[in-house]
Amino acid sequence: MSNKFHREIARLRRIEGQARGIIRMMEEDRYCIDILQQLVAMEAALRATRMRVLNIHARTCINDAIVTGNTGEQAEKVSELIALFEKMGR
């Protein structure tokens, strides 16, 4: 069975490796700018992964609610997205 998040799991494993590398840099008392650059790269990777998961959600979960015609489920999915975007805006 194929996992719809296969690629995102692989990305998060790479991000996990980045985090370990940043910790190692801090333990070695590396130059702050070098650490900050790695943090920026990790944040960008997390943002890209978040957008891919949002895309998957739109193509699967939201699409399923539309196809079924279940207005209650559709309203729930819209409410979830609004709440998510509110959190992202903070």
N, C-alpha and C. Protein backbone atom coordinates (compact mmCIF):
# COMPACT_ATOMS: atom_id res chain seq x y z
N MET A 1 0.84 -1.18 0.00
CA MET A 1 0.00 0.00 0.00
C MET A 1 0.89 1.25 0.00
N SER A 2 0.56 2.20 -0.83
CA SER A 2 1.35 3.42 -0.97
C SER A 2 0.89 4.47 0.04
N ASN A 3 1.83 5.11 0.69
CA ASN A 3 1.53 6.18 1.64
C ASN A 3 1.54 7.50 0.88
N LYS A 4 0.47 8.29 1.02
CA LYS A 4 0.38 9.55 0.28
C LYS A 4 1.42 10.56 0.75
N PHE A 5 2.03 10.32 1.92
CA PHE A 5 3.03 11.24 2.45
C PHE A 5 4.46 10.73 2.29
N HIS A 6 4.67 9.75 1.42
CA HIS A 6 5.99 9.12 1.26
C HIS A 6 7.09 10.16 1.04
N ARG A 7 6.90 11.05 0.09
CA ARG A 7 7.93 12.06 -0.21
C ARG A 7 8.12 13.03 0.95
N GLU A 8 7.02 13.39 1.61
CA GLU A 8 7.11 14.35 2.70
C GLU A 8 7.84 13.73 3.90
N ILE A 9 7.64 12.44 4.12
CA ILE A 9 8.36 11.75 5.19
C ILE A 9 9.86 11.79 4.90
N ALA A 10 10.23 11.54 3.65
CA ALA A 10 11.65 11.59 3.27
C ALA A 10 12.20 12.99 3.48
N ARG A 11 11.42 14.01 3.10
CA ARG A 11 11.87 15.40 3.30
C ARG A 11 12.07 15.69 4.78
N LEU A 12 11.13 15.25 5.62
CA LEU A 12 11.24 15.50 7.05
C LEU A 12 12.44 14.77 7.65
N ARG A 13 12.78 13.62 7.12
CA ARG A 13 13.97 12.92 7.61
C ARG A 13 15.23 13.73 7.26
N ARG A 14 15.25 14.36 6.09
CA ARG A 14 16.39 15.22 5.73
C ARG A 14 16.42 16.45 6.65
N ILE A 15 15.26 17.01 6.94
CA ILE A 15 15.19 18.17 7.84
C ILE A 15 15.66 17.77 9.23
N GLU A 16 15.29 16.57 9.65
CA GLU A 16 15.75 16.05 10.94
C GLU A 16 17.28 16.00 10.96
N GLY A 17 17.87 15.57 9.86
CA GLY A 17 19.33 15.55 9.76
C GLY A 17 19.91 16.96 9.82
N GLN A 18 19.21 17.91 9.17
CA GLN A 18 19.66 19.31 9.25
C GLN A 18 19.65 19.79 10.70
N ALA A 19 18.59 19.46 11.44
CA ALA A 19 18.49 19.89 12.84
C ALA A 19 19.63 19.31 13.66
N ARG A 20 19.93 18.03 13.44
CA ARG A 20 21.06 17.42 14.15
C ARG A 20 22.37 18.12 13.80
N GLY A 21 22.51 18.49 12.53
CA GLY A 21 23.72 19.21 12.10
C GLY A 21 23.83 20.57 12.76
N ILE A 22 22.71 21.26 12.91
CA ILE A 22 22.72 22.57 13.56
C ILE A 22 23.07 22.43 15.04
N ILE A 23 22.52 21.41 15.68
CA ILE A 23 22.87 21.15 17.09
C ILE A 23 24.37 20.92 17.23
N ARG A 24 24.92 20.12 16.31
CA ARG A 24 26.35 19.84 16.33
C ARG A 24 27.15 21.13 16.14
N MET A 25 26.70 22.00 15.23
CA MET A 25 27.38 23.28 15.02
C MET A 25 27.38 24.11 16.30
N MET A 26 26.23 24.11 17.00
CA MET A 26 26.14 24.87 18.25
C MET A 26 27.05 24.28 19.32
N GLU A 27 27.08 22.95 19.40
CA GLU A 27 27.95 22.29 20.38
C GLU A 27 29.41 22.58 20.10
N GLU A 28 29.75 22.75 18.83
CA GLU A 28 31.13 23.05 18.44
C GLU A 28 31.42 24.55 18.50
N ASP A 29 30.42 25.32 18.93
CA ASP A 29 30.55 26.78 19.05
C ASP A 29 30.96 27.43 17.73
N ARG A 30 30.27 26.98 16.66
CA ARG A 30 30.56 27.53 15.33
C ARG A 30 30.07 28.97 15.23
N TYR A 31 30.49 29.65 14.18
CA TYR A 31 30.15 31.05 13.93
C TYR A 31 28.65 31.21 13.80
N CYS A 32 28.10 32.20 14.51
CA CYS A 32 26.65 32.41 14.58
C CYS A 32 26.00 32.54 13.20
N ILE A 33 26.64 33.25 12.29
CA ILE A 33 26.06 33.45 10.96
C ILE A 33 25.93 32.12 10.23
N ASP A 34 26.90 31.25 10.38
CA ASP A 34 26.81 29.93 9.75
C ASP A 34 25.62 29.14 10.31
N ILE A 35 25.42 29.23 11.61
CA ILE A 35 24.28 28.55 12.24
C ILE A 35 22.97 29.16 11.75
N LEU A 36 22.91 30.46 11.72
CA LEU A 36 21.70 31.14 11.26
C LEU A 36 21.36 30.79 9.82
N GLN A 37 22.37 30.70 8.97
CA GLN A 37 22.13 30.32 7.58
C GLN A 37 21.53 28.92 7.49
N GLN A 38 22.01 28.01 8.32
CA GLN A 38 21.45 26.66 8.33
C GLN A 38 20.02 26.65 8.86
N LEU A 39 19.74 27.49 9.85
CA LEU A 39 18.37 27.60 10.36
C LEU A 39 17.42 28.13 9.29
N VAL A 40 17.89 29.11 8.52
CA VAL A 40 17.07 29.65 7.43
C VAL A 40 16.78 28.57 6.41
N ALA A 41 17.79 27.77 6.08
CA ALA A 41 17.61 26.68 5.11
C ALA A 41 16.61 25.65 5.64
N MET A 42 16.70 25.35 6.94
CA MET A 42 15.79 24.38 7.52
C MET A 42 14.36 24.92 7.53
N GLU A 43 14.19 26.19 7.86
CA GLU A 43 12.86 26.80 7.83
C GLU A 43 12.26 26.76 6.43
N ALA A 44 13.07 27.02 5.42
CA ALA A 44 12.59 26.97 4.04
C ALA A 44 12.14 25.56 3.67
N ALA A 45 12.90 24.57 4.11
CA ALA A 45 12.53 23.18 3.84
C ALA A 45 11.22 22.82 4.55
N LEU A 46 11.04 23.29 5.76
CA LEU A 46 9.79 23.04 6.48
C LEU A 46 8.60 23.72 5.80
N ARG A 47 8.80 24.96 5.34
CA ARG A 47 7.73 25.68 4.62
C ARG A 47 7.34 24.93 3.36
N ALA A 48 8.32 24.46 2.62
CA ALA A 48 8.04 23.72 1.39
C ALA A 48 7.28 22.43 1.70
N THR A 49 7.66 21.76 2.76
CA THR A 49 6.97 20.53 3.15
C THR A 49 5.55 20.83 3.59
N ARG A 50 5.36 21.91 4.34
CA ARG A 50 4.01 22.31 4.75
C ARG A 50 3.13 22.55 3.54
N MET A 51 3.65 23.22 2.54
CA MET A 51 2.86 23.51 1.34
C MET A 51 2.53 22.24 0.57
N ARG A 52 3.45 21.28 0.56
CA ARG A 52 3.17 20.00 -0.12
C ARG A 52 2.07 19.23 0.61
N VAL A 53 2.10 19.25 1.94
CA VAL A 53 1.05 18.56 2.70
C VAL A 53 -0.29 19.27 2.50
N LEU A 54 -0.28 20.58 2.45
CA LEU A 54 -1.51 21.33 2.18
C LEU A 54 -2.06 20.97 0.80
N ASN A 55 -1.18 20.84 -0.17
CA ASN A 55 -1.59 20.44 -1.51
C ASN A 55 -2.21 19.04 -1.51
N ILE A 56 -1.58 18.13 -0.78
CA ILE A 56 -2.12 16.77 -0.67
C ILE A 56 -3.50 16.82 -0.03
N HIS A 57 -3.63 17.62 1.01
CA HIS A 57 -4.93 17.75 1.70
C HIS A 57 -6.00 18.25 0.73
N ALA A 58 -5.65 19.25 -0.07
CA ALA A 58 -6.62 19.79 -1.03
C ALA A 58 -6.99 18.75 -2.08
N ARG A 59 -6.01 17.99 -2.55
CA ARG A 59 -6.28 17.01 -3.61
C ARG A 59 -6.97 15.75 -3.10
N THR A 60 -6.87 15.47 -1.82
CA THR A 60 -7.47 14.24 -1.31
C THR A 60 -8.64 14.53 -0.38
N CYS A 61 -8.36 15.03 0.81
CA CYS A 61 -9.40 15.20 1.83
C CYS A 61 -10.49 16.18 1.39
N ILE A 62 -10.11 17.34 0.90
CA ILE A 62 -11.11 18.33 0.49
C ILE A 62 -11.84 17.85 -0.76
N ASN A 63 -11.10 17.31 -1.69
CA ASN A 63 -11.72 16.79 -2.91
C ASN A 63 -12.73 15.70 -2.58
N ASP A 64 -12.40 14.81 -1.65
CA ASP A 64 -13.32 13.74 -1.25
C ASP A 64 -14.62 14.33 -0.69
N ALA A 65 -14.50 15.38 0.12
CA ALA A 65 -15.69 16.01 0.68
C ALA A 65 -16.56 16.64 -0.41
N ILE A 66 -15.93 17.18 -1.43
CA ILE A 66 -16.68 17.77 -2.55
C ILE A 66 -17.38 16.69 -3.35
N VAL A 67 -16.65 15.63 -3.64
CA VAL A 67 -17.20 14.54 -4.46
C VAL A 67 -18.39 13.87 -3.79
N THR A 68 -18.30 13.69 -2.46
CA THR A 68 -19.40 13.02 -1.76
C THR A 68 -20.66 13.89 -1.71
N GLY A 69 -20.49 15.20 -1.84
CA GLY A 69 -21.63 16.10 -1.77
C GLY A 69 -22.10 16.34 -0.35
N ASN A 70 -21.35 15.87 0.64
CA ASN A 70 -21.71 16.03 2.04
C ASN A 70 -21.40 17.46 2.47
N THR A 71 -22.43 18.29 2.56
CA THR A 71 -22.22 19.71 2.88
C THR A 71 -21.65 19.91 4.28
N GLY A 72 -22.02 19.05 5.22
CA GLY A 72 -21.47 19.15 6.57
C GLY A 72 -19.98 18.92 6.57
N GLU A 73 -19.55 17.90 5.85
CA GLU A 73 -18.11 17.60 5.74
C GLU A 73 -17.38 18.72 4.99
N GLN A 74 -18.01 19.26 3.96
CA GLN A 74 -17.40 20.37 3.22
C GLN A 74 -17.20 21.57 4.13
N ALA A 75 -18.21 21.90 4.92
CA ALA A 75 -18.12 23.04 5.84
C ALA A 75 -17.02 22.80 6.88
N GLU A 76 -16.91 21.56 7.34
CA GLU A 76 -15.87 21.22 8.31
C GLU A 76 -14.48 21.42 7.72
N LYS A 77 -14.28 20.98 6.48
CA LYS A 77 -12.97 21.12 5.83
C LYS A 77 -12.62 22.59 5.63
N VAL A 78 -13.60 23.40 5.27
CA VAL A 78 -13.36 24.84 5.09
C VAL A 78 -12.99 25.46 6.44
N SER A 79 -13.71 25.10 7.49
CA SER A 79 -13.42 25.63 8.83
C SER A 79 -12.02 25.24 9.28
N GLU A 80 -11.62 24.00 9.00
CA GLU A 80 -10.28 23.55 9.36
C GLU A 80 -9.22 24.38 8.64
N LEU A 81 -9.45 24.64 7.36
CA LEU A 81 -8.48 25.44 6.60
C LEU A 81 -8.39 26.86 7.11
N ILE A 82 -9.54 27.45 7.43
CA ILE A 82 -9.54 28.82 7.96
C ILE A 82 -8.76 28.87 9.27
N ALA A 83 -8.99 27.91 10.15
CA ALA A 83 -8.28 27.86 11.43
C ALA A 83 -6.77 27.69 11.20
N LEU A 84 -6.41 26.85 10.24
CA LEU A 84 -5.00 26.65 9.93
C LEU A 84 -4.36 27.94 9.43
N PHE A 85 -5.02 28.62 8.50
CA PHE A 85 -4.46 29.86 7.96
C PHE A 85 -4.37 30.93 9.04
N GLU A 86 -5.30 30.94 9.97
CA GLU A 86 -5.22 31.89 11.09
C GLU A 86 -3.98 31.61 11.93
N LYS A 87 -3.71 30.34 12.20
CA LYS A 87 -2.50 29.98 12.97
C LYS A 87 -1.24 30.34 12.21
N MET A 88 -1.26 30.11 10.90
CA MET A 88 -0.08 30.40 10.08
C MET A 88 0.19 31.90 10.04
N GLY A 89 -0.86 32.71 10.18
CA GLY A 89 -0.70 34.17 10.12
C GLY A 89 -0.16 34.79 11.40
N ARG A 90 -0.09 33.99 12.45
CA ARG A 90 0.39 34.55 13.74
C ARG A 90 1.88 34.66 13.77
